[in-house]
Amino acid sequence: MASPPSALGILLLKLAARREGLRSLDPEIAAAGYTTSQASNKAVRLTNAGALHPVHIGHRHVRYFDTLKRAEAFQSKRSAFSTAVPTMRWLGAKAPAGPGVVTEATKITVCPPWPGPRFRALDTFSPVLVGHR
């Protein structure tokens, strides 16, 4: 026999029914007295039970929706926006295929390498005597 839904579960299902979905950082969750970790754990349990449908926004950010149709609609809107603007990413970034744009106003400076070591070790063990020589 399934246990009755908790107050947090009911709140998460109500928030997931919104157009923008549910985030575990929503202020309504904090106003109800729950932490983000409690909300996130309960959202995962509701997802495993099939009551919520997640959309992964980033490696740490997820939105939850009450129906699969809303989750797919949000994902399609987000994908259309994110693929429209090409961005360079830090890991695995590739240089553009063509040459860069160089105009008359472009300055190209080639600097020699630094002559000494780049990092200097600080002597943190010498005593600091203030006012004594």
C-alpha atoms as a PDB file:
ATOM      1  CA  MET A   1       0.000   0.000   0.000  1.00  0.00           C
ATOM      2  CA  ALA A   2       1.410   3.372  -1.021  1.00  0.00           C
ATOM      3  CA  SER A   3       1.933   5.941   1.670  1.00  0.00           C
ATOM      4  CA  PRO A   4       0.043   9.243   1.415  1.00  0.00           C
ATOM      5  CA  PRO A   5       2.038  12.063  -0.217  1.00  0.00           C
ATOM      6  CA  SER A   6       3.947  14.297   2.138  1.00  0.00           C
ATOM      7  CA  ALA A   7       3.461  18.048   2.352  1.00  0.00           C
ATOM      8  CA  LEU A   8       6.749  18.561   0.494  1.00  0.00           C
ATOM      9  CA  GLY A   9       5.671  16.150  -2.229  1.00  0.00           C
ATOM     10  CA  ILE A  10       2.381  17.974  -2.714  1.00  0.00           C
ATOM     11  CA  LEU A  11       4.216  21.314  -2.877  1.00  0.00           C
ATOM     12  CA  LEU A  12       6.683  19.986  -5.474  1.00  0.00           C
ATOM     13  CA  LEU A  13       3.889  18.555  -7.630  1.00  0.00           C
ATOM     14  CA  LYS A  14       2.061  21.899  -7.481  1.00  0.00           C
ATOM     15  CA  LEU A  15       5.218  23.806  -8.469  1.00  0.00           C
ATOM     16  CA  ALA A  16       6.022  21.337 -11.266  1.00  0.00           C
ATOM     17  CA  ALA A  17       2.630  22.074 -12.836  1.00  0.00           C
ATOM     18  CA  ARG A  18       3.721  25.653 -13.599  1.00  0.00           C
ATOM     19  CA  ARG A  19       4.814  26.682 -17.093  1.00  0.00           C
ATOM     20  CA  GLU A  20       8.445  27.152 -15.992  1.00  0.00           C
ATOM     21  CA  GLY A  21       8.482  23.936 -13.992  1.00  0.00           C
ATOM     22  CA  LEU A  22      10.124  23.246 -10.658  1.00  0.00           C
ATOM     23  CA  ARG A  23      13.611  24.037  -9.470  1.00  0.00           C
ATOM     24  CA  SER A  24      14.901  22.937  -6.101  1.00  0.00           C
ATOM     25  CA  LEU A  25      15.993  26.568  -5.562  1.00  0.00           C
ATOM     26  CA  ASP A  26      12.492  28.001  -5.896  1.00  0.00           C
ATOM     27  CA  PRO A  27      11.748  30.559  -3.166  1.00  0.00           C
ATOM     28  CA  GLU A  28       8.392  28.919  -2.449  1.00  0.00           C
ATOM     29  CA  ILE A  29      10.247  25.856  -1.169  1.00  0.00           C
ATOM     30  CA  ALA A  30      12.388  27.926   1.189  1.00  0.00           C
ATOM     31  CA  ALA A  31       9.334  29.876   2.345  1.00  0.00           C
ATOM     32  CA  ALA A  32       7.673  26.589   3.271  1.00  0.00           C
ATOM     33  CA  GLY A  33      10.654  25.753   5.500  1.00  0.00           C
ATOM     34  CA  TYR A  34      12.405  23.134   3.361  1.00  0.00           C
ATOM     35  CA  THR A  35      16.045  23.095   2.259  1.00  0.00           C
ATOM     36  CA  THR A  36      17.173  22.680  -1.324  1.00  0.00           C
ATOM     37  CA  SER A  37      18.649  19.268  -0.531  1.00  0.00           C
ATOM     38  CA  GLN A  38      15.318  18.072   0.906  1.00  0.00           C
ATOM     39  CA  ALA A  39      13.511  19.341  -2.198  1.00  0.00           C
ATOM     40  CA  SER A  40      16.075  17.812  -4.539  1.00  0.00           C
ATOM     41  CA  ASN A  41      15.930  14.419  -2.804  1.00  0.00           C
ATOM     42  CA  LYS A  42      12.138  14.392  -2.856  1.00  0.00           C
ATOM     43  CA  ALA A  43      12.105  15.438  -6.542  1.00  0.00           C
ATOM     44  CA  VAL A  44      14.381  12.505  -7.402  1.00  0.00           C
ATOM     45  CA  ARG A  45      12.079  10.145  -5.502  1.00  0.00           C
ATOM     46  CA  LEU A  46       9.036  11.528  -7.329  1.00  0.00           C
ATOM     47  CA  THR A  47      10.911  11.168 -10.632  1.00  0.00           C
ATOM     48  CA  ASN A  48      11.689   7.526  -9.847  1.00  0.00           C
ATOM     49  CA  ALA A  49       7.996   7.019  -9.052  1.00  0.00           C
ATOM     50  CA  GLY A  50       7.041   8.537 -12.429  1.00  0.00           C
ATOM     51  CA  ALA A  51       5.287  11.606 -11.033  1.00  0.00           C
ATOM     52  CA  LEU A  52       7.868  14.142 -12.295  1.00  0.00           C
ATOM     53  CA  HIS A  53       9.791  14.422 -15.560  1.00  0.00           C
ATOM     54  CA  PRO A  54      13.280  15.990 -15.438  1.00  0.00           C
ATOM     55  CA  VAL A  55      14.933  18.278 -17.991  1.00  0.00           C
ATOM     56  CA  HIS A  56      18.685  18.575 -17.471  1.00  0.00           C
ATOM     57  CA  ILE A  57      19.779  22.163 -18.043  1.00  0.00           C
ATOM     58  CA  GLY A  58      23.395  21.768 -16.987  1.00  0.00           C
ATOM     59  CA  HIS A  59      25.546  19.351 -15.103  1.00  0.00           C
ATOM     60  CA  ARG A  60      24.071  20.568 -11.805  1.00  0.00           C
ATOM     61  CA  HIS A  61      20.753  22.143 -12.806  1.00  0.00           C
ATOM     62  CA  VAL A  62      17.524  20.258 -13.437  1.00  0.00           C
ATOM     63  CA  ARG A  63      13.948  21.417 -13.964  1.00  0.00           C
ATOM     64  CA  TYR A  64      11.077  19.087 -13.192  1.00  0.00           C
ATOM     65  CA  PHE A  65       7.666  19.063 -14.895  1.00  0.00           C
ATOM     66  CA  ASP A  66       4.451  17.257 -14.085  1.00  0.00           C
ATOM     67  CA  THR A  67       3.887  15.969 -17.631  1.00  0.00           C
ATOM     68  CA  LEU A  68       6.225  14.634 -20.267  1.00  0.00           C
ATOM     69  CA  LYS A  69       4.645  16.975 -22.816  1.00  0.00           C
ATOM     70  CA  ARG A  70       5.639  20.065 -20.789  1.00  0.00           C
ATOM     71  CA  ALA A  71       9.146  18.700 -20.243  1.00  0.00           C
ATOM     72  CA  GLU A  72       9.626  18.086 -23.973  1.00  0.00           C
ATOM     73  CA  ALA A  73       8.245  21.541 -24.835  1.00  0.00           C
ATOM     74  CA  PHE A  74      10.656  23.196 -22.401  1.00  0.00           C
ATOM     75  CA  GLN A  75      13.548  21.107 -23.732  1.00  0.00           C
ATOM     76  CA  SER A  76      12.742  21.975 -27.359  1.00  0.00           C
ATOM     77  CA  LYS A  77      12.555  25.704 -26.589  1.00  0.00           C
ATOM     78  CA  ARG A  78      15.803  25.531 -24.697  1.00  0.00           C
ATOM     79  CA  SER A  79      17.591  23.495 -27.365  1.00  0.00           C
ATOM     80  CA  ALA A  80      16.471  25.869 -30.120  1.00  0.00           C
ATOM     81  CA  PHE A  81      17.891  28.812 -28.187  1.00  0.00           C
ATOM     82  CA  SER A  82      21.139  27.187 -27.131  1.00  0.00           C
ATOM     83  CA  THR A  83      22.035  25.901 -30.610  1.00  0.00           C
ATOM     84  CA  ALA A  84      21.193  29.201 -32.328  1.00  0.00           C
ATOM     85  CA  VAL A  85      24.135  31.001 -30.710  1.00  0.00           C
ATOM     86  CA  PRO A  86      27.502  29.276 -31.266  1.00  0.00           C
ATOM     87  CA  THR A  87      29.718  29.519 -28.221  1.00  0.00           C
ATOM     88  CA  MET A  88      33.260  28.450 -27.455  1.00  0.00           C
ATOM     89  CA  ARG A  89      33.486  26.172 -24.478  1.00  0.00           C
ATOM     90  CA  TRP A  90      36.509  25.969 -22.228  1.00  0.00           C
ATOM     91  CA  LEU A  91      36.932  22.200 -22.373  1.00  0.00           C
ATOM     92  CA  GLY A  92      37.329  20.781 -25.835  1.00  0.00           C
ATOM     93  CA  ALA A  93      36.971  24.178 -27.503  1.00  0.00           C
ATOM     94  CA  LYS A  94      37.994  24.298 -31.138  1.00  0.00           C
ATOM     95  CA  ALA A  95      39.259  27.359 -32.970  1.00  0.00           C
ATOM     96  CA  PRO A  96      37.091  28.653 -35.798  1.00  0.00           C
ATOM     97  CA  ALA A  97      37.801  27.011 -39.143  1.00  0.00           C
ATOM     98  CA  GLY A  98      38.557  30.216 -41.051  1.00  0.00           C
ATOM     99  CA  PRO A  99      41.071  32.958 -40.309  1.00  0.00           C
ATOM    100  CA  GLY A 100      40.156  35.567 -37.751  1.00  0.00           C
ATOM    101  CA  VAL A 101      38.938  39.004 -38.717  1.00  0.00           C
ATOM    102  CA  VAL A 102      41.946  41.323 -39.015  1.00  0.00           C
ATOM    103  CA  THR A 103      41.378  44.965 -39.883  1.00  0.00           C
ATOM    104  CA  GLU A 104      43.663  48.003 -40.019  1.00  0.00           C
ATOM    105  CA  ALA A 105      42.807  48.760 -36.395  1.00  0.00           C
ATOM    106  CA  THR A 106      43.866  45.281 -35.182  1.00  0.00           C
ATOM    107  CA  LYS A 107      47.066  45.291 -33.099  1.00  0.00           C
ATOM    108  CA  ILE A 108      49.101  42.098 -32.986  1.00  0.00           C
ATOM    109  CA  THR A 109      51.668  41.981 -30.213  1.00  0.00           C
ATOM    110  CA  VAL A 110      54.148  39.139 -29.871  1.00  0.00           C
ATOM    111  CA  CYS A 111      55.784  39.179 -26.466  1.00  0.00           C
ATOM    112  CA  PRO A 112      58.949  37.320 -25.528  1.00  0.00           C
ATOM    113  CA  PRO A 113      58.587  34.643 -22.861  1.00  0.00           C
ATOM    114  CA  TRP A 114      59.110  35.602 -19.240  1.00  0.00           C
ATOM    115  CA  PRO A 115      62.847  35.332 -18.469  1.00  0.00           C
ATOM    116  CA  GLY A 116      62.615  33.865 -14.985  1.00  0.00           C
ATOM    117  CA  PRO A 117      60.419  31.394 -13.157  1.00  0.00           C
ATOM    118  CA  ARG A 118      56.741  32.250 -13.312  1.00  0.00           C
ATOM    119  CA  PHE A 119      56.007  31.541  -9.672  1.00  0.00           C
ATOM    120  CA  ARG A 120      58.085  32.558  -6.713  1.00  0.00           C
ATOM    121  CA  ALA A 121      58.053  30.713  -3.427  1.00  0.00           C
ATOM    122  CA  LEU A 122      57.481  32.987  -0.476  1.00  0.00           C
ATOM    123  CA  ASP A 123      59.431  32.467   2.690  1.00  0.00           C
ATOM    124  CA  THR A 124      56.545  32.051   5.108  1.00  0.00           C
ATOM    125  CA  PHE A 125      58.653  30.624   7.926  1.00  0.00           C
ATOM    126  CA  SER A 126      60.832  33.652   8.704  1.00  0.00           C
ATOM    127  CA  PRO A 127      59.677  35.487  11.815  1.00  0.00           C
ATOM    128  CA  VAL A 128      58.221  38.923  11.356  1.00  0.00           C
ATOM    129  CA  LEU A 129      59.614  41.324  13.924  1.00  0.00           C
ATOM    130  CA  VAL A 130      57.872  44.647  13.961  1.00  0.00           C
ATOM    131  CA  GLY A 131      59.959  47.516  15.330  1.00  0.00           C
ATOM    132  CA  HIS A 132      63.061  45.340  16.015  1.00  0.00           C
ATOM    133  CA  ARG A 133      66.259  45.148  13.969  1.00  0.00           C
END
